[in-house]
Amino acid sequence: QVQLVESGGGLVQARGSLRLSCAASGRTFDMYPMGWFRQAPGKEREFVASITRSGGNTNYADSVKGRFTISRDNAKNTVYLQMNSLKPEDTAVYYCARHRQRAVLPGSKIYDYDYWGQGTQVTVSS
C-alpha cells in the first residue's frame, strides 16, 4: 500500500510563491512517474504537471507552464511543485498522485494514476 502526504499549501498573495511537497511511503517510489493535479470549487480535477521516474522529463498544463516547476528527490521519496507568480485562479486543492504504470512517459488523465494524496489547500488572494 502506498501513502502520499502533501504539505506546503496555504494562503498567499497574487504574484507570490509556494512550494508543495508530497512524501511517499514504500520502497518503490523511484519506479513510478508522479503527477500533480488540482481541483477548484465547483470544477473538475485537472492535470497540473507530471515527471518521469528519473526526473528527466516533465510535462505541464498550459495554464501553469513557465510558472510552476515539478521536481523529485528519489532519495527522499518526495516530489515537489514549486509555484511562482501565483494567480487567484490557481486557488484549488492540490493533489499528488502516483502513475499507474512504470517506465513510461506519464499521462495527464486522472485514470492514469492509481494512488492519491489527501490534498493541500492553496489560496491565492488578489
C-alpha atoms as a PDB file:
ATOM      1  CA  GLN A   1       0.000   0.000   0.000  1.00  0.00           C
ATOM      2  CA  VAL A   2       1.308   3.419  -0.978  1.00  0.00           C
ATOM      3  CA  GLN A   3       0.579   6.527   1.054  1.00  0.00           C
ATOM      4  CA  LEU A   4       1.080  10.027  -0.307  1.00  0.00           C
ATOM      5  CA  VAL A   5       1.057  13.033   2.024  1.00  0.00           C
ATOM      6  CA  GLU A   6       1.059  16.573   0.637  1.00  0.00           C
ATOM      7  CA  SER A   7       2.199  19.640   2.548  1.00  0.00           C
ATOM      8  CA  GLY A   8       3.134  23.251   1.921  1.00  0.00           C
ATOM      9  CA  GLY A   9      -0.201  24.738   0.989  1.00  0.00           C
ATOM     10  CA  GLY A  10      -1.508  27.973   2.439  1.00  0.00           C
ATOM     11  CA  LEU A  11      -2.659  31.497   1.767  1.00  0.00           C
ATOM     12  CA  VAL A  12      -0.504  33.695  -0.458  1.00  0.00           C
ATOM     13  CA  GLN A  13      -0.949  36.977  -2.269  1.00  0.00           C
ATOM     14  CA  ALA A  14      -1.054  37.170  -6.034  1.00  0.00           C
ATOM     15  CA  ARG A  15       2.406  37.094  -7.639  1.00  0.00           C
ATOM     16  CA  GLY A  16       3.709  35.209  -4.618  1.00  0.00           C
ATOM     17  CA  SER A  17       5.245  31.737  -4.424  1.00  0.00           C
ATOM     18  CA  LEU A  18       4.642  28.443  -2.655  1.00  0.00           C
ATOM     19  CA  ARG A  19       6.414  25.108  -2.688  1.00  0.00           C
ATOM     20  CA  LEU A  20       4.344  21.982  -2.275  1.00  0.00           C
ATOM     21  CA  SER A  21       5.830  18.688  -1.159  1.00  0.00           C
ATOM     22  CA  CYS A  22       4.474  15.164  -1.437  1.00  0.00           C
ATOM     23  CA  ALA A  23       6.088  12.454   0.669  1.00  0.00           C
ATOM     24  CA  ALA A  24       5.532   8.854  -0.385  1.00  0.00           C
ATOM     25  CA  SER A  25       5.736   5.714   1.699  1.00  0.00           C
ATOM     26  CA  GLY A  26       7.226   2.474   0.480  1.00  0.00           C
ATOM     27  CA  ARG A  27      10.304   1.415  -1.407  1.00  0.00           C
ATOM     28  CA  THR A  28       9.043   1.711  -4.965  1.00  0.00           C
ATOM     29  CA  PHE A  29       8.852   5.488  -5.267  1.00  0.00           C
ATOM     30  CA  ASP A  30      11.614   5.720  -7.862  1.00  0.00           C
ATOM     31  CA  MET A  31       9.930   3.134 -10.085  1.00  0.00           C
ATOM     32  CA  TYR A  32       6.936   5.304 -10.971  1.00  0.00           C
ATOM     33  CA  PRO A  33       6.266   8.632 -12.621  1.00  0.00           C
ATOM     34  CA  MET A  34       4.412  11.127 -10.456  1.00  0.00           C
ATOM     35  CA  GLY A  35       1.920  13.889 -11.076  1.00  0.00           C
ATOM     36  CA  TRP A  36       0.201  16.900  -9.544  1.00  0.00           C
ATOM     37  CA  PHE A  37      -3.454  17.728 -10.061  1.00  0.00           C
ATOM     38  CA  ARG A  38      -5.730  20.402  -8.643  1.00  0.00           C
ATOM     39  CA  GLN A  39      -9.421  20.907  -8.042  1.00  0.00           C
ATOM     40  CA  ALA A  40     -11.084  24.267  -7.607  1.00  0.00           C
ATOM     41  CA  PRO A  41     -14.533  24.623  -6.007  1.00  0.00           C
ATOM     42  CA  GLY A  42     -17.250  23.576  -8.416  1.00  0.00           C
ATOM     43  CA  LYS A  43     -14.772  22.378 -11.021  1.00  0.00           C
ATOM     44  CA  GLU A  44     -13.387  19.033 -12.095  1.00  0.00           C
ATOM     45  CA  ARG A  45      -9.979  17.857 -11.026  1.00  0.00           C
ATOM     46  CA  GLU A  46      -7.398  18.895 -13.596  1.00  0.00           C
ATOM     47  CA  PHE A  47      -3.860  17.989 -14.517  1.00  0.00           C
ATOM     48  CA  VAL A  48      -1.091  20.361 -13.450  1.00  0.00           C
ATOM     49  CA  ALA A  49       2.254  18.643 -14.012  1.00  0.00           C
ATOM     50  CA  SER A  50       3.979  15.273 -14.271  1.00  0.00           C
ATOM     51  CA  ILE A  51       7.502  13.930 -14.025  1.00  0.00           C
ATOM     52  CA  THR A  52       9.188  10.720 -15.125  1.00  0.00           C
ATOM     53  CA  ARG A  53      10.885   8.268 -12.778  1.00  0.00           C
ATOM     54  CA  SER A  54      14.310   9.826 -13.087  1.00  0.00           C
ATOM     55  CA  GLY A  55      13.038  13.380 -13.301  1.00  0.00           C
ATOM     56  CA  GLY A  56      14.470  13.783 -16.759  1.00  0.00           C
ATOM     57  CA  ASN A  57      11.176  14.595 -18.441  1.00  0.00           C
ATOM     58  CA  THR A  58       8.421  16.885 -17.238  1.00  0.00           C
ATOM     59  CA  ASN A  59       5.093  17.982 -18.633  1.00  0.00           C
ATOM     60  CA  TYR A  60       2.839  20.897 -17.682  1.00  0.00           C
ATOM     61  CA  ALA A  61      -0.640  22.159 -18.264  1.00  0.00           C
ATOM     62  CA  ASP A  62      -0.631  25.247 -20.468  1.00  0.00           C
ATOM     63  CA  SER A  63      -2.127  27.299 -17.629  1.00  0.00           C
ATOM     64  CA  VAL A  64       0.941  26.816 -15.412  1.00  0.00           C
ATOM     65  CA  LYS A  65       3.733  26.484 -17.962  1.00  0.00           C
ATOM     66  CA  GLY A  66       6.563  28.876 -17.195  1.00  0.00           C
ATOM     67  CA  ARG A  67       5.331  29.499 -13.645  1.00  0.00           C
ATOM     68  CA  PHE A  68       5.333  26.058 -11.990  1.00  0.00           C
ATOM     69  CA  THR A  69       8.154  23.532 -11.747  1.00  0.00           C
ATOM     70  CA  ILE A  70       7.811  19.881 -10.783  1.00  0.00           C
ATOM     71  CA  SER A  71      10.802  18.016  -9.403  1.00  0.00           C
ATOM     72  CA  ARG A  72      11.566  14.936  -7.343  1.00  0.00           C
ATOM     73  CA  ASP A  73      14.143  13.618  -4.915  1.00  0.00           C
ATOM     74  CA  ASN A  74      14.103   9.836  -5.084  1.00  0.00           C
ATOM     75  CA  ALA A  75      16.439   9.531  -2.109  1.00  0.00           C
ATOM     76  CA  LYS A  76      13.790  11.305  -0.010  1.00  0.00           C
ATOM     77  CA  ASN A  77      10.739   9.682  -1.653  1.00  0.00           C
ATOM     78  CA  THR A  78       9.412  13.170  -2.313  1.00  0.00           C
ATOM     79  CA  VAL A  79       8.000  15.074  -5.266  1.00  0.00           C
ATOM     80  CA  TYR A  80       7.760  18.859  -5.275  1.00  0.00           C
ATOM     81  CA  LEU A  81       5.778  21.551  -7.024  1.00  0.00           C
ATOM     82  CA  GLN A  82       7.361  24.995  -6.999  1.00  0.00           C
ATOM     83  CA  MET A  83       4.697  27.570  -7.813  1.00  0.00           C
ATOM     84  CA  ASN A  84       5.742  31.093  -8.757  1.00  0.00           C
ATOM     85  CA  SER A  85       3.817  34.124  -9.990  1.00  0.00           C
ATOM     86  CA  LEU A  86       0.658  32.736  -8.451  1.00  0.00           C
ATOM     87  CA  LYS A  87      -2.707  33.988  -9.629  1.00  0.00           C
ATOM     88  CA  PRO A  88      -6.121  33.928  -7.936  1.00  0.00           C
ATOM     89  CA  GLU A  89      -7.220  31.334 -10.496  1.00  0.00           C
ATOM     90  CA  ASP A  90      -4.580  28.958  -9.102  1.00  0.00           C
ATOM     91  CA  THR A  91      -6.691  28.661  -5.943  1.00  0.00           C
ATOM     92  CA  ALA A  92      -7.542  24.981  -5.500  1.00  0.00           C
ATOM     93  CA  VAL A  93      -6.849  21.836  -3.533  1.00  0.00           C
ATOM     94  CA  TYR A  94      -3.644  20.341  -4.919  1.00  0.00           C
ATOM     95  CA  TYR A  95      -3.149  16.580  -5.064  1.00  0.00           C
ATOM     96  CA  CYS A  96      -0.128  14.480  -5.825  1.00  0.00           C
ATOM     97  CA  ALA A  97      -0.591  11.102  -7.437  1.00  0.00           C
ATOM     98  CA  ARG A  98       1.419   8.067  -8.455  1.00  0.00           C
ATOM     99  CA  HIS A  99       1.248   6.955 -12.069  1.00  0.00           C
ATOM    100  CA  ARG A 100      -0.367   3.606 -12.687  1.00  0.00           C
ATOM    101  CA  GLN A 101       2.429   2.319 -14.929  1.00  0.00           C
ATOM    102  CA  ARG A 102       6.184   2.254 -14.572  1.00  0.00           C
ATOM    103  CA  ALA A 103       8.775   3.282 -17.116  1.00  0.00           C
ATOM    104  CA  VAL A 104       6.524   5.345 -19.339  1.00  0.00           C
ATOM    105  CA  LEU A 105       6.024   8.961 -20.184  1.00  0.00           C
ATOM    106  CA  PRO A 106       3.257   9.822 -17.729  1.00  0.00           C
ATOM    107  CA  GLY A 107      -0.192  10.696 -18.932  1.00  0.00           C
ATOM    108  CA  SER A 108      -2.300  13.656 -17.915  1.00  0.00           C
ATOM    109  CA  LYS A 109      -5.605  11.920 -17.252  1.00  0.00           C
ATOM    110  CA  ILE A 110      -6.963  11.093 -13.818  1.00  0.00           C
ATOM    111  CA  TYR A 111      -7.286   7.432 -14.742  1.00  0.00           C
ATOM    112  CA  ASP A 112      -3.544   7.280 -15.488  1.00  0.00           C
ATOM    113  CA  TYR A 113      -2.902   7.500 -11.726  1.00  0.00           C
ATOM    114  CA  ASP A 114      -3.796   4.957  -9.063  1.00  0.00           C
ATOM    115  CA  TYR A 115      -2.681   6.371  -5.707  1.00  0.00           C
ATOM    116  CA  TRP A 116      -3.626   9.844  -4.474  1.00  0.00           C
ATOM    117  CA  GLY A 117      -2.812  12.036  -1.524  1.00  0.00           C
ATOM    118  CA  GLN A 118      -5.419  13.780   0.617  1.00  0.00           C
ATOM    119  CA  GLY A 119      -4.675  17.164  -0.918  1.00  0.00           C
ATOM    120  CA  THR A 120      -3.416  20.505   0.344  1.00  0.00           C
ATOM    121  CA  GLN A 121      -5.283  23.801   0.002  1.00  0.00           C
ATOM    122  CA  VAL A 122      -3.697  26.669  -1.907  1.00  0.00           C
ATOM    123  CA  THR A 123      -5.462  30.017  -1.752  1.00  0.00           C
ATOM    124  CA  VAL A 124      -4.228  32.999  -3.756  1.00  0.00           C
ATOM    125  CA  SER A 125      -5.645  36.387  -2.827  1.00  0.00           C
ATOM    126  CA  SER A 126      -5.849  39.259  -5.282  1.00  0.00           C
END
